[in-house]
N, C-alpha and C. Protein backbone atom coordinates (compact mmCIF):
# COMPACT_ATOMS: atom_id res chain seq x y z
N UNK A 1 63.12 -51.04 -48.73
CA UNK A 1 63.40 -50.58 -47.41
C UNK A 1 63.73 -51.78 -46.51
N UNK A 2 64.95 -51.80 -46.02
CA UNK A 2 65.41 -52.94 -45.22
C UNK A 2 65.33 -52.72 -43.72
N UNK A 3 65.18 -51.49 -43.31
CA UNK A 3 65.17 -51.18 -41.88
C UNK A 3 63.75 -50.98 -41.38
N UNK A 4 63.62 -50.94 -40.09
CA UNK A 4 62.30 -50.72 -39.50
C UNK A 4 61.88 -49.26 -39.67
N UNK A 5 60.59 -49.05 -39.55
CA UNK A 5 60.05 -47.69 -39.62
C UNK A 5 60.69 -46.80 -38.55
N UNK A 6 60.92 -47.36 -37.38
CA UNK A 6 61.54 -46.61 -36.29
C UNK A 6 62.95 -46.14 -36.68
N UNK A 7 63.71 -47.00 -37.34
CA UNK A 7 65.06 -46.60 -37.75
C UNK A 7 65.02 -45.49 -38.79
N UNK A 8 64.09 -45.58 -39.74
CA UNK A 8 63.99 -44.50 -40.73
C UNK A 8 63.57 -43.19 -40.07
N UNK A 9 62.75 -43.26 -39.05
CA UNK A 9 62.38 -42.04 -38.32
C UNK A 9 63.60 -41.44 -37.63
N UNK A 10 64.45 -42.29 -37.06
CA UNK A 10 65.68 -41.81 -36.43
C UNK A 10 66.60 -41.16 -37.47
N UNK A 11 66.70 -41.80 -38.63
CA UNK A 11 67.52 -41.23 -39.71
C UNK A 11 66.93 -39.89 -40.16
N UNK A 12 65.62 -39.81 -40.25
CA UNK A 12 64.98 -38.55 -40.63
C UNK A 12 65.31 -37.44 -39.63
N UNK A 13 65.37 -37.76 -38.35
CA UNK A 13 65.74 -36.76 -37.34
C UNK A 13 67.18 -36.28 -37.56
N UNK A 14 68.04 -37.19 -37.97
CA UNK A 14 69.43 -36.81 -38.26
C UNK A 14 69.51 -35.95 -39.52
N UNK A 15 68.75 -36.32 -40.53
CA UNK A 15 68.73 -35.55 -41.78
C UNK A 15 68.26 -34.12 -41.51
N UNK A 16 67.29 -33.98 -40.62
CA UNK A 16 66.72 -32.66 -40.32
C UNK A 16 67.73 -31.69 -39.72
N UNK A 17 68.85 -32.18 -39.27
CA UNK A 17 69.89 -31.32 -38.68
C UNK A 17 70.69 -30.57 -39.73
N UNK A 18 70.49 -30.92 -40.99
CA UNK A 18 71.28 -30.35 -42.08
C UNK A 18 70.38 -29.64 -43.08
N UNK A 19 70.95 -28.74 -43.89
CA UNK A 19 70.14 -28.11 -44.95
C UNK A 19 69.53 -29.18 -45.86
N UNK A 20 68.36 -28.90 -46.39
CA UNK A 20 67.60 -29.88 -47.17
C UNK A 20 68.41 -30.46 -48.33
N UNK A 21 69.29 -29.67 -48.92
CA UNK A 21 70.06 -30.17 -50.07
C UNK A 21 71.35 -30.88 -49.64
N UNK A 22 71.51 -31.11 -48.34
CA UNK A 22 72.74 -31.75 -47.85
C UNK A 22 72.45 -32.93 -46.93
N UNK A 23 71.40 -33.67 -47.25
CA UNK A 23 71.03 -34.77 -46.36
C UNK A 23 72.07 -35.88 -46.31
N UNK A 24 72.96 -35.93 -47.29
CA UNK A 24 74.04 -36.92 -47.25
C UNK A 24 74.96 -36.68 -46.06
N UNK A 25 74.89 -35.50 -45.46
CA UNK A 25 75.70 -35.21 -44.27
C UNK A 25 75.31 -36.09 -43.09
N UNK A 26 74.18 -36.71 -43.14
CA UNK A 26 73.72 -37.60 -42.08
C UNK A 26 74.18 -39.03 -42.28
N UNK A 27 75.10 -39.27 -43.18
CA UNK A 27 75.49 -40.64 -43.53
C UNK A 27 76.08 -41.39 -42.34
N UNK A 28 76.92 -40.75 -41.55
CA UNK A 28 77.52 -41.48 -40.42
C UNK A 28 76.46 -41.88 -39.40
N UNK A 29 75.57 -40.98 -39.10
CA UNK A 29 74.49 -41.30 -38.16
C UNK A 29 73.58 -42.38 -38.74
N UNK A 30 73.28 -42.29 -40.02
CA UNK A 30 72.41 -43.29 -40.66
C UNK A 30 73.06 -44.68 -40.62
N UNK A 31 74.36 -44.74 -40.86
CA UNK A 31 75.05 -46.03 -40.78
C UNK A 31 75.02 -46.59 -39.36
N UNK A 32 75.21 -45.73 -38.37
CA UNK A 32 75.17 -46.18 -36.97
C UNK A 32 73.79 -46.71 -36.61
N UNK A 33 72.76 -46.02 -37.06
CA UNK A 33 71.38 -46.45 -36.79
C UNK A 33 71.11 -47.79 -37.47
N UNK A 34 71.53 -47.92 -38.71
CA UNK A 34 71.33 -49.17 -39.44
C UNK A 34 72.08 -50.32 -38.76
N UNK A 35 73.30 -50.05 -38.34
CA UNK A 35 74.09 -51.09 -37.69
C UNK A 35 73.49 -51.49 -36.34
N UNK A 36 72.97 -50.51 -35.61
CA UNK A 36 72.31 -50.84 -34.33
C UNK A 36 71.16 -51.82 -34.55
N UNK A 37 70.47 -51.66 -35.66
CA UNK A 37 69.34 -52.55 -35.91
C UNK A 37 69.76 -53.90 -36.48
N UNK A 38 70.69 -53.90 -37.41
CA UNK A 38 71.02 -55.13 -38.13
C UNK A 38 72.23 -55.87 -37.58
N UNK A 39 73.03 -55.22 -36.75
CA UNK A 39 74.22 -55.84 -36.17
C UNK A 39 75.47 -55.63 -36.99
N UNK A 40 75.31 -55.51 -38.29
CA UNK A 40 76.44 -55.22 -39.18
C UNK A 40 75.89 -54.63 -40.46
N UNK A 41 76.78 -54.10 -41.30
CA UNK A 41 76.35 -53.39 -42.50
C UNK A 41 76.62 -54.24 -43.75
N UNK A 42 75.64 -55.06 -44.07
CA UNK A 42 75.71 -55.88 -45.27
C UNK A 42 75.66 -54.97 -46.50
N UNK A 43 76.15 -55.43 -47.64
CA UNK A 43 76.12 -54.59 -48.84
C UNK A 43 74.73 -54.04 -49.18
N UNK A 44 73.69 -54.85 -48.96
CA UNK A 44 72.34 -54.37 -49.27
C UNK A 44 71.89 -53.28 -48.29
N UNK A 45 72.40 -53.30 -47.07
CA UNK A 45 72.09 -52.25 -46.11
C UNK A 45 72.80 -50.96 -46.51
N UNK A 46 74.05 -51.08 -46.94
CA UNK A 46 74.77 -49.90 -47.44
C UNK A 46 74.03 -49.28 -48.62
N UNK A 47 73.55 -50.13 -49.52
CA UNK A 47 72.80 -49.64 -50.68
C UNK A 47 71.51 -48.96 -50.24
N UNK A 48 70.83 -49.53 -49.27
CA UNK A 48 69.59 -48.95 -48.78
C UNK A 48 69.83 -47.57 -48.17
N UNK A 49 70.90 -47.44 -47.37
CA UNK A 49 71.24 -46.13 -46.78
C UNK A 49 71.56 -45.14 -47.89
N UNK A 50 72.31 -45.58 -48.88
CA UNK A 50 72.65 -44.71 -50.01
C UNK A 50 71.39 -44.24 -50.73
N UNK A 51 70.48 -45.15 -51.00
CA UNK A 51 69.24 -44.80 -51.68
C UNK A 51 68.42 -43.83 -50.83
N UNK A 52 68.35 -44.08 -49.54
CA UNK A 52 67.55 -43.24 -48.66
C UNK A 52 68.11 -41.83 -48.57
N UNK A 53 69.43 -41.72 -48.61
CA UNK A 53 70.07 -40.40 -48.52
C UNK A 53 70.30 -39.76 -49.89
N UNK A 54 69.98 -40.49 -50.95
CA UNK A 54 70.14 -39.96 -52.30
C UNK A 54 71.59 -39.72 -52.67
N UNK A 55 72.42 -40.68 -52.34
CA UNK A 55 73.84 -40.53 -52.66
C UNK A 55 74.36 -41.83 -53.27
N UNK A 56 75.49 -41.76 -53.98
CA UNK A 56 76.03 -42.98 -54.60
C UNK A 56 76.41 -44.01 -53.53
N UNK A 57 76.17 -45.27 -53.83
CA UNK A 57 76.50 -46.34 -52.89
C UNK A 57 77.99 -46.36 -52.58
N UNK A 58 78.82 -46.04 -53.56
CA UNK A 58 80.27 -46.05 -53.32
C UNK A 58 80.65 -45.01 -52.28
N UNK A 59 79.96 -43.89 -52.23
CA UNK A 59 80.25 -42.86 -51.24
C UNK A 59 79.91 -43.34 -49.83
N UNK A 60 78.82 -44.08 -49.70
CA UNK A 60 78.44 -44.66 -48.41
C UNK A 60 79.46 -45.73 -48.02
N UNK A 61 79.86 -46.53 -48.97
CA UNK A 61 80.85 -47.57 -48.69
C UNK A 61 82.19 -46.95 -48.27
N UNK A 62 82.56 -45.84 -48.88
CA UNK A 62 83.80 -45.17 -48.50
C UNK A 62 83.77 -44.76 -47.03
N UNK A 63 82.65 -44.24 -46.58
CA UNK A 63 82.52 -43.86 -45.17
C UNK A 63 82.58 -45.10 -44.28
N UNK A 64 81.84 -46.12 -44.65
CA UNK A 64 81.76 -47.34 -43.83
C UNK A 64 83.10 -48.05 -43.73
N UNK A 65 83.91 -47.99 -44.77
CA UNK A 65 85.21 -48.67 -44.73
C UNK A 65 86.28 -47.81 -44.09
N UNK A 66 86.08 -46.52 -44.01
CA UNK A 66 87.08 -45.63 -43.42
C UNK A 66 87.08 -45.70 -41.90
N UNK A 67 85.91 -45.75 -41.31
CA UNK A 67 85.78 -45.72 -39.85
C UNK A 67 85.65 -47.13 -39.30
N UNK A 68 86.42 -47.43 -38.23
CA UNK A 68 86.42 -48.80 -37.71
C UNK A 68 85.23 -49.12 -36.82
N UNK A 69 84.35 -48.16 -36.56
CA UNK A 69 83.18 -48.48 -35.73
C UNK A 69 82.07 -49.17 -36.53
N UNK A 70 82.23 -49.19 -37.84
CA UNK A 70 81.22 -49.85 -38.68
C UNK A 70 81.67 -51.28 -38.96
N UNK A 71 80.74 -52.21 -38.79
CA UNK A 71 81.02 -53.62 -39.01
C UNK A 71 80.58 -54.01 -40.41
N UNK A 72 81.52 -54.40 -41.23
CA UNK A 72 81.20 -54.81 -42.60
C UNK A 72 81.11 -56.33 -42.73
N UNK A 73 81.29 -57.01 -41.62
CA UNK A 73 81.11 -58.46 -41.54
C UNK A 73 80.35 -58.72 -40.25
N UNK A 74 79.68 -59.84 -40.16
CA UNK A 74 78.98 -60.16 -38.91
C UNK A 74 79.96 -60.20 -37.73
N UNK A 75 79.50 -59.71 -36.60
CA UNK A 75 80.30 -59.74 -35.37
C UNK A 75 79.46 -60.38 -34.27
N UNK A 76 80.12 -60.70 -33.18
CA UNK A 76 79.42 -61.26 -32.04
C UNK A 76 78.50 -60.25 -31.39
N UNK A 77 77.68 -60.73 -30.50
CA UNK A 77 76.74 -59.87 -29.78
C UNK A 77 77.49 -58.75 -29.06
N UNK A 78 78.68 -59.05 -28.58
CA UNK A 78 79.51 -58.08 -27.87
C UNK A 78 80.84 -57.93 -28.60
N UNK A 79 81.02 -56.79 -29.22
CA UNK A 79 82.27 -56.49 -29.92
C UNK A 79 83.17 -55.74 -28.95
N UNK A 80 84.27 -56.39 -28.56
CA UNK A 80 85.22 -55.79 -27.63
C UNK A 80 86.43 -55.31 -28.42
N UNK A 81 86.71 -54.03 -28.30
CA UNK A 81 87.85 -53.44 -28.99
C UNK A 81 88.86 -52.96 -27.95
N UNK A 82 90.06 -53.48 -28.02
CA UNK A 82 91.11 -53.15 -27.07
C UNK A 82 92.04 -52.11 -27.70
N UNK A 83 92.29 -51.03 -26.97
CA UNK A 83 93.22 -50.02 -27.45
C UNK A 83 94.64 -50.56 -27.33
N UNK A 84 95.33 -50.61 -28.45
CA UNK A 84 96.72 -51.08 -28.46
C UNK A 84 97.66 -50.00 -28.98
N UNK A 85 97.19 -48.75 -28.99
CA UNK A 85 98.07 -47.64 -29.33
C UNK A 85 99.18 -47.58 -28.29
N UNK A 86 100.28 -46.94 -28.58
CA UNK A 86 101.47 -47.01 -27.73
C UNK A 86 101.21 -46.69 -26.25
N UNK A 87 100.57 -45.59 -25.88
CA UNK A 87 100.39 -45.33 -24.45
C UNK A 87 99.60 -46.43 -23.74
N UNK A 88 98.54 -46.91 -24.35
CA UNK A 88 97.76 -48.00 -23.74
C UNK A 88 98.58 -49.29 -23.71
N UNK A 89 99.30 -49.53 -24.78
CA UNK A 89 100.11 -50.73 -24.87
C UNK A 89 101.13 -50.77 -23.73
N UNK A 90 101.78 -49.65 -23.50
CA UNK A 90 102.79 -49.57 -22.45
C UNK A 90 102.17 -49.60 -21.06
N UNK A 91 100.90 -49.31 -20.96
CA UNK A 91 100.22 -49.24 -19.67
C UNK A 91 99.26 -50.41 -19.44
N UNK A 92 99.48 -51.51 -20.12
CA UNK A 92 98.71 -52.72 -19.86
C UNK A 92 97.78 -53.17 -20.96
N UNK A 93 97.73 -52.44 -22.06
CA UNK A 93 96.84 -52.82 -23.15
C UNK A 93 97.16 -54.18 -23.75
N UNK A 94 98.44 -54.44 -23.95
CA UNK A 94 98.83 -55.74 -24.51
C UNK A 94 98.51 -56.87 -23.53
N UNK A 95 98.73 -56.62 -22.23
CA UNK A 95 98.41 -57.61 -21.21
C UNK A 95 96.91 -57.90 -21.21
N UNK A 96 96.10 -56.83 -21.26
CA UNK A 96 94.64 -57.00 -21.26
C UNK A 96 94.20 -57.78 -22.50
N UNK A 97 94.78 -57.45 -23.64
CA UNK A 97 94.43 -58.15 -24.89
C UNK A 97 94.81 -59.63 -24.79
N UNK A 98 95.99 -59.90 -24.28
CA UNK A 98 96.44 -61.29 -24.14
C UNK A 98 95.49 -62.06 -23.21
N UNK A 99 95.10 -61.43 -22.13
CA UNK A 99 94.18 -62.08 -21.18
C UNK A 99 92.83 -62.35 -21.83
N UNK A 100 92.31 -61.37 -22.57
CA UNK A 100 91.04 -61.56 -23.27
C UNK A 100 91.14 -62.69 -24.29
N UNK A 101 92.23 -62.74 -25.02
CA UNK A 101 92.41 -63.81 -26.00
C UNK A 101 92.37 -65.17 -25.33
N UNK A 102 93.04 -65.28 -24.18
CA UNK A 102 93.05 -66.55 -23.44
C UNK A 102 91.66 -66.88 -22.92
N UNK A 103 90.99 -65.91 -22.31
CA UNK A 103 89.66 -66.15 -21.72
C UNK A 103 88.63 -66.53 -22.78
N UNK A 104 88.69 -65.87 -23.92
CA UNK A 104 87.69 -66.09 -24.97
C UNK A 104 88.08 -67.20 -25.94
N UNK A 105 89.35 -67.55 -25.98
CA UNK A 105 89.82 -68.59 -26.89
C UNK A 105 89.82 -68.15 -28.34
N UNK A 106 89.99 -66.84 -28.55
CA UNK A 106 90.02 -66.29 -29.92
C UNK A 106 91.16 -65.28 -30.03
N UNK A 107 91.45 -64.91 -31.26
CA UNK A 107 92.45 -63.89 -31.53
C UNK A 107 91.72 -62.65 -32.06
N UNK A 108 92.48 -61.61 -32.35
CA UNK A 108 91.88 -60.42 -32.96
C UNK A 108 91.15 -60.80 -34.25
N UNK A 109 90.06 -60.12 -34.52
CA UNK A 109 89.24 -60.30 -35.72
C UNK A 109 88.54 -61.65 -35.75
N UNK A 110 88.39 -62.27 -34.58
CA UNK A 110 87.69 -63.55 -34.51
C UNK A 110 86.49 -63.43 -33.58
N UNK A 111 85.57 -64.35 -33.75
CA UNK A 111 84.34 -64.39 -32.95
C UNK A 111 84.26 -65.75 -32.28
N UNK A 112 83.80 -65.75 -31.03
CA UNK A 112 83.64 -67.01 -30.31
C UNK A 112 82.61 -67.89 -31.01
N UNK A 113 82.71 -69.17 -30.81
CA UNK A 113 81.82 -70.14 -31.45
C UNK A 113 80.35 -69.92 -31.15
N UNK A 114 80.05 -69.33 -30.00
CA UNK A 114 78.65 -69.07 -29.64
C UNK A 114 78.17 -67.69 -30.12
N UNK A 115 78.98 -67.02 -30.91
CA UNK A 115 78.67 -65.69 -31.46
C UNK A 115 78.43 -64.65 -30.37
N UNK A 116 79.00 -64.88 -29.20
CA UNK A 116 78.81 -63.96 -28.08
C UNK A 116 79.81 -62.80 -28.13
N UNK A 117 81.08 -63.08 -28.51
CA UNK A 117 82.13 -62.07 -28.45
C UNK A 117 82.95 -62.03 -29.74
N UNK A 118 83.27 -60.82 -30.16
CA UNK A 118 84.25 -60.57 -31.22
C UNK A 118 85.32 -59.70 -30.60
N UNK A 119 86.58 -59.99 -30.87
CA UNK A 119 87.69 -59.24 -30.31
C UNK A 119 88.41 -58.49 -31.42
N UNK A 120 88.59 -57.20 -31.22
CA UNK A 120 89.27 -56.35 -32.21
C UNK A 120 90.36 -55.53 -31.55
N UNK A 121 91.32 -55.14 -32.34
CA UNK A 121 92.38 -54.24 -31.93
C UNK A 121 91.96 -52.84 -32.36
N UNK A 122 92.14 -51.86 -31.48
CA UNK A 122 91.72 -50.51 -31.82
C UNK A 122 92.83 -49.50 -31.65
N UNK A 123 92.62 -48.37 -32.26
CA UNK A 123 93.56 -47.25 -32.12
C UNK A 123 93.13 -46.38 -30.96
N UNK A 124 93.78 -45.28 -30.80
CA UNK A 124 93.58 -44.39 -29.65
C UNK A 124 92.11 -44.09 -29.40
N UNK A 125 91.71 -44.25 -28.15
CA UNK A 125 90.33 -43.99 -27.74
C UNK A 125 90.24 -42.72 -26.91
N UNK A 126 91.35 -42.00 -26.83
CA UNK A 126 91.36 -40.71 -26.16
C UNK A 126 91.30 -40.77 -24.65
N UNK A 127 91.74 -41.87 -24.07
CA UNK A 127 91.71 -42.01 -22.62
C UNK A 127 93.00 -42.66 -22.13
N UNK A 128 94.13 -42.17 -22.60
CA UNK A 128 95.43 -42.79 -22.31
C UNK A 128 95.70 -42.90 -20.82
N UNK A 129 95.26 -41.93 -20.04
CA UNK A 129 95.48 -41.96 -18.60
C UNK A 129 94.67 -43.03 -17.89
N UNK A 130 93.72 -43.63 -18.59
CA UNK A 130 92.86 -44.66 -18.01
C UNK A 130 93.23 -46.06 -18.48
N UNK A 131 94.40 -46.20 -19.09
CA UNK A 131 94.81 -47.47 -19.69
C UNK A 131 94.92 -48.57 -18.64
N UNK A 132 94.70 -49.82 -19.08
CA UNK A 132 94.25 -50.20 -20.40
C UNK A 132 92.75 -49.92 -20.61
N UNK A 133 92.44 -49.54 -21.83
CA UNK A 133 91.08 -49.13 -22.19
C UNK A 133 90.54 -50.06 -23.27
N UNK A 134 89.25 -50.36 -23.17
CA UNK A 134 88.58 -51.10 -24.24
C UNK A 134 87.16 -50.56 -24.37
N UNK A 135 86.57 -50.81 -25.52
CA UNK A 135 85.17 -50.42 -25.72
C UNK A 135 84.35 -51.67 -26.01
N UNK A 136 83.07 -51.56 -25.67
CA UNK A 136 82.12 -52.63 -25.94
C UNK A 136 81.07 -52.07 -26.89
N UNK A 137 80.97 -52.67 -28.05
CA UNK A 137 79.98 -52.29 -29.07
C UNK A 137 80.02 -50.81 -29.43
N UNK A 138 81.21 -50.23 -29.42
CA UNK A 138 81.42 -48.83 -29.81
C UNK A 138 80.71 -47.83 -28.91
N UNK A 139 80.07 -48.26 -27.86
CA UNK A 139 79.23 -47.35 -27.08
C UNK A 139 79.65 -47.25 -25.61
N UNK A 140 80.36 -48.22 -25.13
CA UNK A 140 80.73 -48.24 -23.72
C UNK A 140 82.24 -48.35 -23.59
N UNK A 141 82.83 -47.37 -22.90
CA UNK A 141 84.27 -47.39 -22.68
C UNK A 141 84.55 -47.93 -21.28
N UNK A 142 85.51 -48.83 -21.20
CA UNK A 142 85.90 -49.44 -19.93
C UNK A 142 87.37 -49.11 -19.68
N UNK A 143 87.65 -48.57 -18.51
CA UNK A 143 89.00 -48.09 -18.19
C UNK A 143 89.63 -48.91 -17.08
N UNK A 144 90.97 -48.82 -16.99
CA UNK A 144 91.75 -49.49 -15.94
C UNK A 144 91.40 -50.98 -15.88
N UNK A 145 91.45 -51.65 -16.99
CA UNK A 145 90.96 -53.02 -17.09
C UNK A 145 92.00 -54.05 -16.63
N UNK A 146 91.93 -54.35 -15.35
CA UNK A 146 92.73 -55.42 -14.75
C UNK A 146 92.08 -56.75 -15.15
N UNK A 147 92.78 -57.84 -14.88
CA UNK A 147 92.20 -59.16 -15.16
C UNK A 147 90.88 -59.35 -14.42
N UNK A 148 90.82 -58.89 -13.19
CA UNK A 148 89.59 -59.02 -12.40
C UNK A 148 88.45 -58.23 -13.03
N UNK A 149 88.73 -57.02 -13.48
CA UNK A 149 87.69 -56.20 -14.10
C UNK A 149 87.26 -56.80 -15.44
N UNK A 150 88.19 -57.41 -16.16
CA UNK A 150 87.84 -58.09 -17.41
C UNK A 150 86.91 -59.26 -17.11
N UNK A 151 87.23 -60.03 -16.09
CA UNK A 151 86.37 -61.16 -15.70
C UNK A 151 84.96 -60.68 -15.36
N UNK A 152 84.86 -59.60 -14.59
CA UNK A 152 83.56 -59.05 -14.23
C UNK A 152 82.79 -58.58 -15.46
N UNK A 153 83.48 -57.93 -16.38
CA UNK A 153 82.84 -57.45 -17.60
C UNK A 153 82.31 -58.62 -18.43
N UNK A 154 83.13 -59.63 -18.61
CA UNK A 154 82.70 -60.79 -19.42
C UNK A 154 81.50 -61.47 -18.80
N UNK A 155 81.49 -61.61 -17.49
CA UNK A 155 80.33 -62.22 -16.82
C UNK A 155 79.08 -61.37 -17.03
N UNK A 156 79.22 -60.07 -16.90
CA UNK A 156 78.08 -59.17 -17.12
C UNK A 156 77.56 -59.27 -18.55
N UNK A 157 78.46 -59.30 -19.52
CA UNK A 157 78.05 -59.34 -20.92
C UNK A 157 77.43 -60.68 -21.32
N UNK A 158 77.78 -61.73 -20.62
CA UNK A 158 77.21 -63.06 -20.93
C UNK A 158 75.73 -63.15 -20.57
N UNK A 159 75.28 -62.29 -19.66
CA UNK A 159 73.88 -62.35 -19.19
C UNK A 159 72.92 -61.85 -20.24
């Protein structure tokens, strides 16, 4: 068991939402819970989730590699994902990404030297009218991101 007792209790609550013979249906929630605790999903964490849910490790890995919200490599404390799908791109997404790259001194799929920020490119976040849009750690969506708002966000996240 690699996770805390609290995380397994959270996973158990997710498992309880499904019929007893279908606990593997909680795999996405279990991966999110594991990632919240560990920061990323190392191979041994994927194996642990698979064992806990009674499913093949390859099936857990298939889910983790399909969805971009799961981190299969270490990331910074703050993972910033910029929507670069066409509507966001045309409405300032590329500009916001370029500004973030300059401010952070990194490119997509890179992490700052202090492990504070990782910058990723993302697909549609379902908020095209709010472009440019970015998310922080898959949990917080930020809309209408001007350079000034990006500066404010970075300062807030550094604290």
